[in-house]
Amino acid sequence: MKTKIGLTAVVLLLIGLTACSGGPERLAFVNDGEISVVNVNGTEQITLTSDGYPKVSADWSADEKQIVFDSNQDGDSEIYIMRADGSEITQLTSNKNSDLFAFWSPNGNKVAFASDRDGDFEIFTMNADGTDVTQLTTNAEATDFPGAWSKDGKQIIFSSDRDGDTEIFIMDSDGSNTRQITTNEDNDNIPSLSPDGKQIAFYSDRDGDYEIFVTNIDGTEVRQLTTNPAGDFDPKWSGDGNLISFTSDRYGEEEIFIMNTDGTNVISTGVAGYTLAWIK
């Protein structure tokens, strides 16, 4: 039976969903290609974009005043920024290839993103105004996608299929000193870094279908959090590190779910789409 968030669960969640400022968190998500925010109980949804151009990803700056996102409004996917209320959209990249999966550096000065401008998807960085574009990875016939910056801004965690299947890697923010975090014969995708910088959540098909896993940042102590025949993917940590949201089609359509970081107390928000971030 499908479980929605009831009143008691909402109260408990809102007590637990507090960041350092003490305020409850909301979920930022994409559905039908548009960016929205909503309370964790599925109420008070606010749509930030409604131009009809598909968006794949978005990330909020550390001060939550700006959003960097990708959109194909000029005919191919490019990187844009806008204010947190959806106003003042500015285009950062402009080329005939696809730029997507953009993430802010912790200090808000740089943006990491993926681009296929050299023929396959590689990781690039640029200044927050779109200048000084620098290519960090160069792997012919491989696909690299950034997942998160480390909390000190010195490293970037990313996924890559350079070893034949998709694994999680980490490198210095200048592209040097690359280390592999996960190693198996299946696919480990789209890493999400915990607020304390010590753990990585990701989704993997290592048990035959996509499930949510967590590992230490050095690749030790891999734990499987979900186990069901449906697809679970796109995990994101709450700001206090006590909860993880993810998308699942276990009830027939893709919805956002919330669970404890040990995989217990899985609750459906009733919101269609996938989580981009937890915001205040």
C-alpha atoms as a PDB file:
ATOM      1  CA  MET A   1       0.000   0.000   0.000  1.00  0.00           C
ATOM      2  CA  LYS A   2       1.262   3.437  -0.885  1.00  0.00           C
ATOM      3  CA  THR A   3       2.363   5.463   2.123  1.00  0.00           C
ATOM      4  CA  LYS A   4       1.957   9.227   2.042  1.00  0.00           C
ATOM      5  CA  ILE A   5       3.260  11.584   4.691  1.00  0.00           C
ATOM      6  CA  GLY A   6       0.662  11.861   7.438  1.00  0.00           C
ATOM      7  CA  LEU A   7       0.334  14.620  10.019  1.00  0.00           C
ATOM      8  CA  THR A   8       2.398  12.817  12.677  1.00  0.00           C
ATOM      9  CA  ALA A   9       5.173  12.063  10.203  1.00  0.00           C
ATOM     10  CA  VAL A  10       5.207  15.660   9.017  1.00  0.00           C
ATOM     11  CA  VAL A  11       5.603  16.954  12.572  1.00  0.00           C
ATOM     12  CA  LEU A  12       8.464  14.530  13.227  1.00  0.00           C
ATOM     13  CA  LEU A  13      10.146  15.411   9.963  1.00  0.00           C
ATOM     14  CA  LEU A  14       9.909  19.136  10.537  1.00  0.00           C
ATOM     15  CA  ILE A  15      11.411  18.704  14.005  1.00  0.00           C
ATOM     16  CA  GLY A  16      14.312  16.790  12.487  1.00  0.00           C
ATOM     17  CA  LEU A  17      14.709  18.855   9.313  1.00  0.00           C
ATOM     18  CA  THR A  18      16.623  21.744  10.824  1.00  0.00           C
ATOM     19  CA  ALA A  19      19.867  23.158   9.577  1.00  0.00           C
ATOM     20  CA  CYS A  20      22.258  25.285  11.586  1.00  0.00           C
ATOM     21  CA  SER A  21      19.974  28.295  11.247  1.00  0.00           C
ATOM     22  CA  GLY A  22      17.163  26.366  12.888  1.00  0.00           C
ATOM     23  CA  GLY A  23      14.704  26.613   9.983  1.00  0.00           C
ATOM     24  CA  PRO A  24      12.915  23.701   8.298  1.00  0.00           C
ATOM     25  CA  GLU A  25      14.268  22.602   4.934  1.00  0.00           C
ATOM     26  CA  ARG A  26      12.458  22.382   1.628  1.00  0.00           C
ATOM     27  CA  LEU A  27      13.077  20.205  -1.419  1.00  0.00           C
ATOM     28  CA  ALA A  28      14.159  21.722  -4.710  1.00  0.00           C
ATOM     29  CA  PHE A  29      13.258  19.434  -7.583  1.00  0.00           C
ATOM     30  CA  VAL A  30      12.697  19.058 -11.311  1.00  0.00           C
ATOM     31  CA  ASN A  31       9.458  17.743 -12.799  1.00  0.00           C
ATOM     32  CA  ASP A  32       8.540  17.888 -16.491  1.00  0.00           C
ATOM     33  CA  GLY A  33      11.728  19.841 -17.108  1.00  0.00           C
ATOM     34  CA  GLU A  34      10.893  22.728 -14.760  1.00  0.00           C
ATOM     35  CA  ILE A  35      12.475  23.713 -11.427  1.00  0.00           C
ATOM     36  CA  SER A  36      10.302  23.984  -8.304  1.00  0.00           C
ATOM     37  CA  VAL A  37      10.573  24.008  -4.512  1.00  0.00           C
ATOM     38  CA  VAL A  38       8.188  22.379  -2.053  1.00  0.00           C
ATOM     39  CA  ASN A  39       7.867  21.642   1.657  1.00  0.00           C
ATOM     40  CA  VAL A  40       8.913  18.137   2.691  1.00  0.00           C
ATOM     41  CA  ASN A  41       5.258  17.251   3.253  1.00  0.00           C
ATOM     42  CA  GLY A  42       4.413  18.128  -0.350  1.00  0.00           C
ATOM     43  CA  THR A  43       2.690  21.449   0.432  1.00  0.00           C
ATOM     44  CA  GLU A  44       3.334  25.007  -0.769  1.00  0.00           C
ATOM     45  CA  GLN A  45       4.916  24.140  -4.068  1.00  0.00           C
ATOM     46  CA  ILE A  46       6.485  27.098  -5.884  1.00  0.00           C
ATOM     47  CA  THR A  47       7.486  26.832  -9.542  1.00  0.00           C
ATOM     48  CA  LEU A  48      10.601  28.850 -10.375  1.00  0.00           C
ATOM     49  CA  THR A  49      10.745  28.200 -14.119  1.00  0.00           C
ATOM     50  CA  SER A  50       7.896  27.696 -16.572  1.00  0.00           C
ATOM     51  CA  ASP A  51       9.347  28.534 -19.967  1.00  0.00           C
ATOM     52  CA  GLY A  52       8.879  25.049 -21.426  1.00  0.00           C
ATOM     53  CA  TYR A  53      12.597  24.500 -22.028  1.00  0.00           C
ATOM     54  CA  PRO A  54      13.800  21.268 -20.362  1.00  0.00           C
ATOM     55  CA  LYS A  55      16.197  21.500 -17.406  1.00  0.00           C
ATOM     56  CA  VAL A  56      18.210  18.482 -16.248  1.00  0.00           C
ATOM     57  CA  SER A  57      20.018  19.826 -13.206  1.00  0.00           C
ATOM     58  CA  ALA A  58      20.300  22.826 -10.891  1.00  0.00           C
ATOM     59  CA  ASP A  59      22.332  23.757  -7.827  1.00  0.00           C
ATOM     60  CA  TRP A  60      21.859  26.440  -5.180  1.00  0.00           C
ATOM     61  CA  SER A  61      24.779  28.620  -4.090  1.00  0.00           C
ATOM     62  CA  ALA A  62      25.921  28.240  -0.477  1.00  0.00           C
ATOM     63  CA  ASP A  63      24.114  31.448   0.517  1.00  0.00           C
ATOM     64  CA  GLU A  64      21.047  30.226  -1.462  1.00  0.00           C
ATOM     65  CA  LYS A  65      20.775  33.539  -3.289  1.00  0.00           C
ATOM     66  CA  GLN A  66      21.542  32.148  -6.752  1.00  0.00           C
ATOM     67  CA  ILE A  67      20.778  29.010  -8.754  1.00  0.00           C
ATOM     68  CA  VAL A  68      22.973  27.616 -11.515  1.00  0.00           C
ATOM     69  CA  PHE A  69      21.132  25.351 -13.955  1.00  0.00           C
ATOM     70  CA  ASP A  70      21.148  23.976 -17.476  1.00  0.00           C
ATOM     71  CA  SER A  71      18.531  24.667 -20.119  1.00  0.00           C
ATOM     72  CA  ASN A  72      18.205  24.155 -23.872  1.00  0.00           C
ATOM     73  CA  GLN A  73      16.406  27.451 -24.509  1.00  0.00           C
ATOM     74  CA  ASP A  74      18.964  28.454 -27.172  1.00  0.00           C
ATOM     75  CA  GLY A  75      18.679  25.135 -29.007  1.00  0.00           C
ATOM     76  CA  ASP A  76      21.267  23.119 -27.075  1.00  0.00           C
ATOM     77  CA  SER A  77      21.928  22.688 -23.363  1.00  0.00           C
ATOM     78  CA  GLU A  78      23.788  25.661 -21.834  1.00  0.00           C
ATOM     79  CA  ILE A  79      24.549  26.842 -18.291  1.00  0.00           C
ATOM     80  CA  TYR A  80      22.577  29.721 -16.758  1.00  0.00           C
ATOM     81  CA  ILE A  81      22.251  31.406 -13.393  1.00  0.00           C
ATOM     82  CA  MET A  82      19.237  33.087 -11.849  1.00  0.00           C
ATOM     83  CA  ARG A  83      18.179  34.551  -8.540  1.00  0.00           C
ATOM     84  CA  ALA A  84      16.648  32.125  -6.034  1.00  0.00           C
ATOM     85  CA  ASP A  85      13.165  33.441  -6.865  1.00  0.00           C
ATOM     86  CA  GLY A  86      13.616  32.565 -10.560  1.00  0.00           C
ATOM     87  CA  SER A  87      14.292  36.119 -11.754  1.00  0.00           C
ATOM     88  CA  GLU A  88      17.253  37.724 -13.552  1.00  0.00           C
ATOM     89  CA  ILE A  89      18.340  34.795 -15.720  1.00  0.00           C
ATOM     90  CA  THR A  90      21.840  35.152 -17.171  1.00  0.00           C
ATOM     91  CA  GLN A  91      23.434  32.784 -19.712  1.00  0.00           C
ATOM     92  CA  LEU A  92      26.981  31.705 -18.805  1.00  0.00           C
ATOM     93  CA  THR A  93      27.945  29.375 -21.664  1.00  0.00           C
ATOM     94  CA  SER A  94      27.250  29.580 -25.381  1.00  0.00           C
ATOM     95  CA  ASN A  95      28.443  26.965 -27.858  1.00  0.00           C
ATOM     96  CA  LYS A  96      27.026  24.380 -30.251  1.00  0.00           C
ATOM     97  CA  ASN A  97      27.485  21.476 -27.830  1.00  0.00           C
ATOM     98  CA  SER A  98      25.816  20.453 -24.559  1.00  0.00           C
ATOM     99  CA  ASP A  99      26.777  21.960 -21.189  1.00  0.00           C
ATOM    100  CA  LEU A 100      24.957  20.524 -18.167  1.00  0.00           C
ATOM    101  CA  PHE A 101      25.191  19.200 -14.583  1.00  0.00           C
ATOM    102  CA  ALA A 102      26.526  22.442 -13.091  1.00  0.00           C
ATOM    103  CA  PHE A 103      27.567  22.734  -9.423  1.00  0.00           C
ATOM    104  CA  TRP A 104      28.678  25.746  -7.381  1.00  0.00           C
ATOM    105  CA  SER A 105      31.990  25.758  -5.560  1.00  0.00           C
ATOM    106  CA  PRO A 106      31.518  26.277  -1.794  1.00  0.00           C
ATOM    107  CA  ASN A 107      32.659  29.919  -1.957  1.00  0.00           C
ATOM    108  CA  GLY A 108      30.426  30.670  -4.950  1.00  0.00           C
ATOM    109  CA  ASN A 109      33.299  31.862  -7.119  1.00  0.00           C
ATOM    110  CA  LYS A 110      33.344  28.949  -9.575  1.00  0.00           C
ATOM    111  CA  VAL A 111      31.027  26.488 -11.297  1.00  0.00           C
ATOM    112  CA  ALA A 112      31.894  22.927 -12.318  1.00  0.00           C
ATOM    113  CA  PHE A 113      29.952  21.420 -15.204  1.00  0.00           C
ATOM    114  CA  ALA A 114      30.006  18.713 -17.871  1.00  0.00           C
ATOM    115  CA  SER A 115      30.357  19.427 -21.571  1.00  0.00           C
ATOM    116  CA  ASP A 116      30.773  17.379 -24.736  1.00  0.00           C
ATOM    117  CA  ARG A 117      32.509  20.224 -26.574  1.00  0.00           C
ATOM    118  CA  ASP A 118      35.573  18.005 -27.144  1.00  0.00           C
ATOM    119  CA  GLY A 119      33.500  15.105 -28.479  1.00  0.00           C
ATOM    120  CA  ASP A 120      32.634  13.300 -25.238  1.00  0.00           C
ATOM    121  CA  PHE A 121      31.451  14.574 -21.873  1.00  0.00           C
ATOM    122  CA  GLU A 122      34.291  15.967 -19.770  1.00  0.00           C
ATOM    123  CA  ILE A 123      34.383  18.111 -16.618  1.00  0.00           C
ATOM    124  CA  PHE A 124      35.083  21.825 -16.851  1.00  0.00           C
ATOM    125  CA  THR A 125      35.143  24.733 -14.417  1.00  0.00           C
ATOM    126  CA  MET A 126      34.532  28.428 -15.000  1.00  0.00           C
ATOM    127  CA  ASN A 127      34.178  31.590 -12.994  1.00  0.00           C
ATOM    128  CA  ALA A 128      30.691  32.425 -11.769  1.00  0.00           C
ATOM    129  CA  ASP A 129      30.370  34.995 -14.569  1.00  0.00           C
ATOM    130  CA  GLY A 130      31.195  32.428 -17.279  1.00  0.00           C
ATOM    131  CA  THR A 131      34.817  33.490 -17.850  1.00  0.00           C
ATOM    132  CA  ASP A 132      38.002  31.410 -17.593  1.00  0.00           C
ATOM    133  CA  VAL A 133      36.561  28.092 -18.789  1.00  0.00           C
ATOM    134  CA  THR A 134      39.062  25.342 -17.906  1.00  0.00           C
ATOM    135  CA  GLN A 135      38.886  21.667 -18.916  1.00  0.00           C
ATOM    136  CA  LEU A 136      39.772  19.339 -16.028  1.00  0.00           C
ATOM    137  CA  THR A 137      39.376  15.846 -17.536  1.00  0.00           C
ATOM    138  CA  THR A 138      40.434  14.468 -20.906  1.00  0.00           C
ATOM    139  CA  ASN A 139      39.347  10.896 -21.558  1.00  0.00           C
ATOM    140  CA  ALA A 140      38.668   9.869 -25.141  1.00  0.00           C
ATOM    141  CA  GLU A 141      35.490   7.785 -25.455  1.00  0.00           C
ATOM    142  CA  ALA A 142      34.704   8.112 -21.720  1.00  0.00           C
ATOM    143  CA  THR A 143      31.956  10.105 -19.992  1.00  0.00           C
ATOM    144  CA  ASP A 144      32.665  12.217 -16.908  1.00  0.00           C
ATOM    145  CA  PHE A 145      29.968  14.020 -14.904  1.00  0.00           C
ATOM    146  CA  PRO A 146      30.606  16.169 -11.803  1.00  0.00           C
ATOM    147  CA  GLY A 147      28.655  15.326  -8.656  1.00  0.00           C
ATOM    148  CA  ALA A 148      29.841  17.650  -5.903  1.00  0.00           C
ATOM    149  CA  TRP A 149      32.655  19.859  -4.647  1.00  0.00           C
ATOM    150  CA  SER A 150      34.317  18.967  -1.365  1.00  0.00           C
ATOM    151  CA  LYS A 151      33.395  21.296   1.492  1.00  0.00           C
ATOM    152  CA  ASP A 152      36.751  23.059   1.365  1.00  0.00           C
ATOM    153  CA  GLY A 153      36.526  23.472  -2.424  1.00  0.00           C
ATOM    154  CA  LYS A 154      39.807  21.644  -3.002  1.00  0.00           C
ATOM    155  CA  GLN A 155      38.332  18.503  -4.606  1.00  0.00           C
ATOM    156  CA  ILE A 156      35.561  17.483  -7.011  1.00  0.00           C
ATOM    157  CA  ILE A 157      33.722  14.164  -6.764  1.00  0.00           C
ATOM    158  CA  PHE A 158      32.474  12.793 -10.069  1.00  0.00           C
ATOM    159  CA  SER A 159      31.227   9.735 -11.934  1.00  0.00           C
ATOM    160  CA  SER A 160      33.001   8.275 -14.946  1.00  0.00           C
ATOM    161  CA  ASP A 161      32.863   5.183 -17.153  1.00  0.00           C
ATOM    162  CA  ARG A 162      36.578   5.337 -17.947  1.00  0.00           C
ATOM    163  CA  ASP A 163      37.140   1.816 -16.595  1.00  0.00           C
ATOM    164  CA  GLY A 164      34.332   0.276 -18.683  1.00  0.00           C
ATOM    165  CA  ASP A 165      31.445   0.828 -16.266  1.00  0.00           C
ATOM    166  CA  THR A 166      30.425   3.909 -14.297  1.00  0.00           C
ATOM    167  CA  GLU A 167      32.304   4.409 -11.020  1.00  0.00           C
ATOM    168  CA  ILE A 168      32.791   7.212  -8.496  1.00  0.00           C
ATOM    169  CA  PHE A 169      36.063   9.177  -8.566  1.00  0.00           C
ATOM    170  CA  ILE A 170      37.582  12.171  -6.781  1.00  0.00           C
ATOM    171  CA  MET A 171      40.152  14.643  -8.064  1.00  0.00           C
ATOM    172  CA  ASP A 172      41.729  17.906  -7.007  1.00  0.00           C
ATOM    173  CA  SER A 173      39.835  20.954  -8.226  1.00  0.00           C
ATOM    174  CA  ASP A 174      42.507  21.625 -10.855  1.00  0.00           C
ATOM    175  CA  GLY A 175      41.963  18.166 -12.403  1.00  0.00           C
ATOM    176  CA  SER A 176      45.052  16.523 -10.889  1.00  0.00           C
ATOM    177  CA  ASN A 177      45.467  13.623  -8.468  1.00  0.00           C
ATOM    178  CA  THR A 178      42.467  11.537  -9.594  1.00  0.00           C
ATOM    179  CA  ARG A 179      41.545   8.587  -7.344  1.00  0.00           C
ATOM    180  CA  GLN A 180      38.879   5.927  -7.839  1.00  0.00           C
ATOM    181  CA  ILE A 181      36.440   5.537  -4.931  1.00  0.00           C
ATOM    182  CA  THR A 182      34.232   2.631  -6.064  1.00  0.00           C
ATOM    183  CA  THR A 183      35.285  -0.466  -8.005  1.00  0.00           C
ATOM    184  CA  ASN A 184      32.861  -3.119  -9.240  1.00  0.00           C
ATOM    185  CA  GLU A 185      31.492  -4.520 -12.488  1.00  0.00           C
ATOM    186  CA  ASP A 186      28.254  -2.532 -12.319  1.00  0.00           C
ATOM    187  CA  ASN A 187      27.360   1.159 -12.525  1.00  0.00           C
ATOM    188  CA  ASP A 188      27.696   3.647  -9.646  1.00  0.00           C
ATOM    189  CA  ASN A 189      26.145   6.991 -10.549  1.00  0.00           C
ATOM    190  CA  ILE A 190      25.803  10.676  -9.572  1.00  0.00           C
ATOM    191  CA  PRO A 191      27.513  11.001  -6.176  1.00  0.00           C
ATOM    192  CA  SER A 192      26.065  13.248  -3.473  1.00  0.00           C
ATOM    193  CA  LEU A 193      28.367  14.395  -0.660  1.00  0.00           C
ATOM    194  CA  SER A 194      27.159  14.421   2.957  1.00  0.00           C
ATOM    195  CA  PRO A 195      27.151  17.817   4.736  1.00  0.00           C
ATOM    196  CA  ASP A 196      30.102  16.782   6.919  1.00  0.00           C
ATOM    197  CA  GLY A 197      32.071  15.745   3.826  1.00  0.00           C
ATOM    198  CA  LYS A 198      32.695  12.221   5.112  1.00  0.00           C
ATOM    199  CA  GLN A 199      30.222  10.091   3.115  1.00  0.00           C
ATOM    200  CA  ILE A 200      28.954   9.780  -0.437  1.00  0.00           C
ATOM    201  CA  ALA A 201      25.452   8.659  -1.425  1.00  0.00           C
ATOM    202  CA  PHE A 202      24.997   7.256  -4.925  1.00  0.00           C
ATOM    203  CA  TYR A 203      22.772   4.904  -6.878  1.00  0.00           C
ATOM    204  CA  SER A 204      23.977   1.620  -8.330  1.00  0.00           C
ATOM    205  CA  ASP A 205      22.655  -1.416 -10.202  1.00  0.00           C
ATOM    206  CA  ARG A 206      25.077  -3.771  -8.479  1.00  0.00           C
ATOM    207  CA  ASP A 207      22.175  -5.882  -7.159  1.00  0.00           C
ATOM    208  CA  GLY A 208      20.422  -6.036 -10.554  1.00  0.00           C
ATOM    209  CA  ASP A 209      18.345  -2.852 -10.375  1.00  0.00           C
ATOM    210  CA  TYR A 210      19.113   0.660  -9.227  1.00  0.00           C
ATOM    211  CA  GLU A 211      19.297   1.066  -5.440  1.00  0.00           C
ATOM    212  CA  ILE A 212      20.662   3.727  -3.076  1.00  0.00           C
ATOM    213  CA  PHE A 213      24.066   3.143  -1.458  1.00  0.00           C
ATOM    214  CA  VAL A 214      26.335   5.087   0.892  1.00  0.00           C
ATOM    215  CA  THR A 215      30.110   4.808   1.256  1.00  0.00           C
ATOM    216  CA  ASN A 216      32.832   6.611   3.130  1.00  0.00           C
ATOM    217  CA  ILE A 217      34.632   9.172   0.999  1.00  0.00           C
ATOM    218  CA  ASP A 218      37.629   6.816   0.756  1.00  0.00           C
ATOM    219  CA  GLY A 219      35.426   4.013  -0.633  1.00  0.00           C
ATOM    220  CA  THR A 220      35.297   1.906   2.527  1.00  0.00           C
ATOM    221  CA  GLU A 221      32.175   0.584   4.262  1.00  0.00           C
ATOM    222  CA  VAL A 222      29.733   0.515   1.333  1.00  0.00           C
ATOM    223  CA  ARG A 223      26.165   0.165   2.648  1.00  0.00           C
ATOM    224  CA  GLN A 224      23.026  -0.584   0.640  1.00  0.00           C
ATOM    225  CA  LEU A 225      20.096   1.517   1.890  1.00  0.00           C
ATOM    226  CA  THR A 226      17.227   0.410  -0.363  1.00  0.00           C
ATOM    227  CA  THR A 227      16.203  -3.036  -1.583  1.00  0.00           C
ATOM    228  CA  ASN A 228      13.209  -3.425  -3.880  1.00  0.00           C
ATOM    229  CA  PRO A 229      12.573  -4.482  -7.503  1.00  0.00           C
ATOM    230  CA  ALA A 230      11.905  -0.896  -8.629  1.00  0.00           C
ATOM    231  CA  GLY A 231      14.443   1.764  -9.564  1.00  0.00           C
ATOM    232  CA  ASP A 232      15.754   4.062  -6.810  1.00  0.00           C
ATOM    233  CA  PHE A 233      18.067   6.868  -7.894  1.00  0.00           C
ATOM    234  CA  ASP A 234      19.311  10.456  -7.447  1.00  0.00           C
ATOM    235  CA  PRO A 235      19.970  10.530  -3.673  1.00  0.00           C
ATOM    236  CA  LYS A 236      20.472  13.907  -1.963  1.00  0.00           C
ATOM    237  CA  TRP A 237      21.456  14.595   1.666  1.00  0.00           C
ATOM    238  CA  SER A 238      19.426  16.938   3.853  1.00  0.00           C
ATOM    239  CA  GLY A 239      21.303  19.953   5.194  1.00  0.00           C
ATOM    240  CA  ASP A 240      21.671  18.466   8.670  1.00  0.00           C
ATOM    241  CA  GLY A 241      22.812  15.111   7.269  1.00  0.00           C
ATOM    242  CA  ASN A 242      20.059  13.144   9.018  1.00  0.00           C
ATOM    243  CA  LEU A 243      17.937  12.284   5.966  1.00  0.00           C
ATOM    244  CA  ILE A 244      18.353  11.326   2.318  1.00  0.00           C
ATOM    245  CA  SER A 245      15.844  12.025  -0.421  1.00  0.00           C
ATOM    246  CA  PHE A 246      15.679   9.951  -3.588  1.00  0.00           C
ATOM    247  CA  THR A 247      13.436   9.251  -6.544  1.00  0.00           C
ATOM    248  CA  SER A 248      11.725   5.892  -7.018  1.00  0.00           C
ATOM    249  CA  ASP A 249       9.158   4.370  -9.351  1.00  0.00           C
ATOM    250  CA  ARG A 250       8.210   1.688  -6.809  1.00  0.00           C
ATOM    251  CA  TYR A 251       4.564   2.783  -6.954  1.00  0.00           C
ATOM    252  CA  GLY A 252       4.433   2.969 -10.740  1.00  0.00           C
ATOM    253  CA  GLU A 253       5.478   6.571 -11.305  1.00  0.00           C
ATOM    254  CA  GLU A 254       8.537   8.511 -10.287  1.00  0.00           C
ATOM    255  CA  GLU A 255       8.123  10.204  -6.904  1.00  0.00           C
ATOM    256  CA  ILE A 256      10.427  11.737  -4.327  1.00  0.00           C
ATOM    257  CA  PHE A 257      10.915   9.720  -1.135  1.00  0.00           C
ATOM    258  CA  ILE A 258      12.671  10.535   2.145  1.00  0.00           C
ATOM    259  CA  MET A 259      14.440   8.087   4.470  1.00  0.00           C
ATOM    260  CA  ASN A 260      16.852   8.025   7.377  1.00  0.00           C
ATOM    261  CA  THR A 261      20.522   7.696   6.450  1.00  0.00           C
ATOM    262  CA  ASP A 262      20.464   4.037   7.501  1.00  0.00           C
ATOM    263  CA  GLY A 263      17.648   3.297   5.028  1.00  0.00           C
ATOM    264  CA  THR A 264      14.837   3.108   7.593  1.00  0.00           C
ATOM    265  CA  ASN A 265      11.536   5.002   7.717  1.00  0.00           C
ATOM    266  CA  VAL A 266      11.054   5.397   3.955  1.00  0.00           C
ATOM    267  CA  ILE A 267       8.246   7.880   3.295  1.00  0.00           C
ATOM    268  CA  SER A 268       6.762   9.141   0.031  1.00  0.00           C
ATOM    269  CA  THR A 269       6.338  12.892  -0.284  1.00  0.00           C
ATOM    270  CA  GLY A 270       3.775  12.416  -3.042  1.00  0.00           C
ATOM    271  CA  VAL A 271       5.801  14.837  -5.193  1.00  0.00           C
ATOM    272  CA  ALA A 272       6.625  13.761  -8.746  1.00  0.00           C
ATOM    273  CA  GLY A 273      10.151  14.420 -10.008  1.00  0.00           C
ATOM    274  CA  TYR A 274      13.669  14.149  -8.650  1.00  0.00           C
ATOM    275  CA  THR A 275      15.477  16.141  -5.976  1.00  0.00           C
ATOM    276  CA  LEU A 276      18.046  18.779  -6.884  1.00  0.00           C
ATOM    277  CA  ALA A 277      18.865  19.977  -3.381  1.00  0.00           C
ATOM    278  CA  TRP A 278      17.571  20.543   0.120  1.00  0.00           C
ATOM    279  CA  ILE A 279      17.242  24.263   0.817  1.00  0.00           C
ATOM    280  CA  LYS A 280      16.117  26.414   3.732  1.00  0.00           C
END
